[in-house]
Amino acid sequence: MSHHTRGRKADPKPADNAIRKVPKSPAYFSDAAKAEWKRIMPILVERRVLSPADLHAAERFCDAAGDIAAARTAIASDGAYINDRHGEMKRHPAYATLREATAESRRWAAELGLTPASRSRVTAEAETNDDDDDSPLAV
């Protein structure tokens, strides 16, 4: 385990230029990644924690979800153990992908406030009423 990933993560806070509408998922996404995008993006948009610059993090999280689904499908299809080129039984290579994608997913989930611990730190402010812009204090 790398030392730079340990410890407390930055608290996700409402972004000043938060995305207000769920953007379309990237075209290259697998079906599983698109499904994850559709699941998490409304949550993140509602919490106002994503700016346009943060979309990369959400994309990587969904990519990892797609990789997890593909690895599980390969293992389910081929079995947990397969014969290698020498005819010896070996654990399916998709387990390495599954392990790496799961770790990647966990890291991005924490950054996005999608884990129970990180979600408890999210302090998104309530939506302000558009009529408040007419107040003398509005900038």
Protein backbone atom coordinates (compact mmCIF):
# COMPACT_ATOMS: atom_id res chain seq x y z
CA MET A 1 0.00 0.00 0.00
CA SER A 2 1.28 3.40 -0.93
CA HIS A 3 1.84 5.84 1.90
CA HIS A 4 0.40 8.81 0.01
CA THR A 5 -3.12 7.32 0.02
CA ARG A 6 -3.32 6.88 3.78
CA GLY A 7 -4.89 9.23 6.25
CA ARG A 8 -7.72 11.67 6.16
CA LYS A 9 -8.93 12.77 2.76
CA ALA A 10 -9.90 16.33 1.94
CA ASP A 11 -13.46 17.18 2.95
CA PRO A 12 -15.74 17.43 -0.09
CA LYS A 13 -17.39 20.86 0.11
CA PRO A 14 -19.87 22.61 -2.13
CA ALA A 15 -18.08 23.89 -5.20
CA ASP A 16 -18.44 27.57 -6.06
CA ASN A 17 -19.06 26.66 -9.69
CA ALA A 18 -20.89 23.40 -8.99
CA ILE A 19 -22.40 21.47 -11.83
CA ARG A 20 -26.18 21.93 -11.65
CA LYS A 21 -27.27 19.41 -14.28
CA VAL A 22 -26.13 15.82 -14.77
CA PRO A 23 -23.87 15.74 -17.83
CA LYS A 24 -24.10 12.95 -20.38
CA SER A 25 -21.77 10.04 -19.70
CA PRO A 26 -18.64 9.76 -21.83
CA ALA A 27 -19.17 7.87 -25.10
CA TYR A 28 -16.36 5.39 -24.43
CA PHE A 29 -17.97 4.07 -21.22
CA SER A 30 -19.01 0.44 -21.01
CA ASP A 31 -22.65 -0.29 -20.20
CA ALA A 32 -21.72 -0.92 -16.54
CA ALA A 33 -19.81 2.38 -16.33
CA LYS A 34 -22.78 4.23 -17.86
CA ALA A 35 -25.12 2.62 -15.31
CA GLU A 36 -22.83 3.76 -12.48
CA TRP A 37 -22.73 7.28 -13.95
CA LYS A 38 -26.53 7.38 -13.98
CA ARG A 39 -26.57 6.17 -10.37
CA ILE A 40 -24.02 8.52 -8.79
CA MET A 41 -24.15 11.71 -10.81
CA PRO A 42 -27.61 12.84 -9.62
CA ILE A 43 -26.36 12.39 -6.04
CA LEU A 44 -23.17 14.38 -6.64
CA VAL A 45 -25.01 17.13 -8.53
CA GLU A 46 -27.56 17.42 -5.73
CA ARG A 47 -24.77 17.71 -3.15
CA ARG A 48 -23.10 20.39 -5.30
CA VAL A 49 -19.63 18.92 -4.83
CA LEU A 50 -18.58 18.65 -8.48
CA SER A 51 -17.16 21.45 -10.56
CA PRO A 52 -16.36 20.92 -14.25
CA ALA A 53 -12.74 20.31 -13.23
CA ASP A 54 -13.86 17.42 -10.99
CA LEU A 55 -15.62 15.41 -13.69
CA HIS A 56 -12.43 13.42 -14.24
CA ALA A 57 -12.75 11.94 -10.74
CA ALA A 58 -16.33 10.83 -11.40
CA GLU A 59 -15.28 9.36 -14.75
CA ARG A 60 -12.47 7.36 -13.15
CA PHE A 61 -14.84 6.06 -10.45
CA CYS A 62 -17.34 4.91 -13.08
CA ASP A 63 -14.56 3.43 -15.23
CA ALA A 64 -13.46 1.37 -12.24
CA ALA A 65 -17.05 0.19 -11.74
CA GLY A 66 -17.09 -0.92 -15.37
CA ASP A 67 -13.81 -2.78 -14.93
CA ILE A 68 -15.18 -4.51 -11.83
CA ALA A 69 -18.27 -5.64 -13.74
CA ALA A 70 -16.17 -6.90 -16.68
CA ALA A 71 -13.85 -8.86 -14.39
CA ARG A 72 -16.78 -10.43 -12.55
CA THR A 73 -18.40 -11.38 -15.86
CA ALA A 74 -15.18 -13.02 -17.09
CA ILE A 75 -14.80 -14.98 -13.85
CA ALA A 76 -18.44 -16.07 -13.90
CA SER A 77 -18.12 -17.14 -17.53
CA ASP A 78 -14.76 -18.92 -17.37
CA GLY A 79 -14.71 -20.06 -13.75
CA ALA A 80 -12.48 -19.05 -10.88
CA TYR A 81 -9.63 -21.21 -12.17
CA ILE A 82 -8.50 -21.74 -15.74
CA ASN A 83 -5.81 -23.73 -17.47
CA ASP A 84 -2.79 -21.71 -18.45
CA ARG A 85 -0.84 -22.32 -21.67
CA HIS A 86 0.99 -25.19 -19.97
CA GLY A 87 -2.26 -26.86 -18.97
CA GLU A 88 -1.82 -26.01 -15.28
CA MET A 89 -4.76 -24.73 -13.24
CA LYS A 90 -4.29 -21.09 -12.30
CA ARG A 91 -6.52 -18.51 -10.70
CA HIS A 92 -8.34 -16.50 -13.34
CA PRO A 93 -6.28 -13.43 -14.36
CA ALA A 94 -9.42 -11.28 -14.07
CA TYR A 95 -8.97 -11.45 -10.30
CA ALA A 96 -6.02 -9.06 -10.65
CA THR A 97 -8.22 -6.63 -12.59
CA LEU A 98 -10.96 -7.04 -10.00
CA ARG A 99 -8.55 -6.30 -7.15
CA GLU A 100 -7.03 -3.24 -8.86
CA ALA A 101 -10.38 -1.82 -9.98
CA THR A 102 -11.87 -2.31 -6.52
CA ALA A 103 -8.97 -0.42 -4.92
CA GLU A 104 -9.27 2.34 -7.53
CA SER A 105 -13.02 2.55 -6.99
CA ARG A 106 -12.58 2.80 -3.23
CA ARG A 107 -10.07 5.66 -3.57
CA TRP A 108 -12.27 7.65 -5.94
CA ALA A 109 -15.38 6.95 -3.86
CA ALA A 110 -13.65 8.47 -0.83
CA GLU A 111 -12.62 11.53 -2.84
CA LEU A 112 -16.16 12.01 -4.13
CA GLY A 113 -17.86 11.58 -0.75
CA LEU A 114 -19.46 8.26 -1.72
CA THR A 115 -18.38 6.23 1.31
CA PRO A 116 -20.08 6.37 4.73
CA ALA A 117 -17.04 8.01 6.33
CA SER A 118 -16.48 10.57 3.59
CA ARG A 119 -20.21 11.25 3.25
CA SER A 120 -20.37 12.26 6.91
CA ARG A 121 -17.87 15.04 6.11
CA VAL A 122 -19.85 16.42 3.18
CA THR A 123 -21.39 19.72 4.20
CA ALA A 124 -23.23 20.85 1.11
CA GLU A 125 -25.14 24.05 1.63
CA ALA A 126 -28.83 24.28 0.89
CA GLU A 127 -29.77 25.70 -2.50
CA THR A 128 -30.23 29.44 -2.38
CA ASN A 129 -33.39 30.98 -3.76
CA ASP A 130 -32.82 32.83 -7.06
CA ASP A 131 -34.84 35.76 -5.66
CA ASP A 132 -32.05 36.36 -3.15
CA ASP A 133 -29.96 37.84 -5.96
CA ASP A 134 -32.01 41.03 -5.72
CA SER A 135 -30.95 41.64 -2.13
CA PRO A 136 -28.63 44.59 -1.47
CA LEU A 137 -25.98 42.16 -0.22
CA ALA A 138 -25.88 40.15 -3.45
CA VAL A 139 -22.66 40.53 -5.42
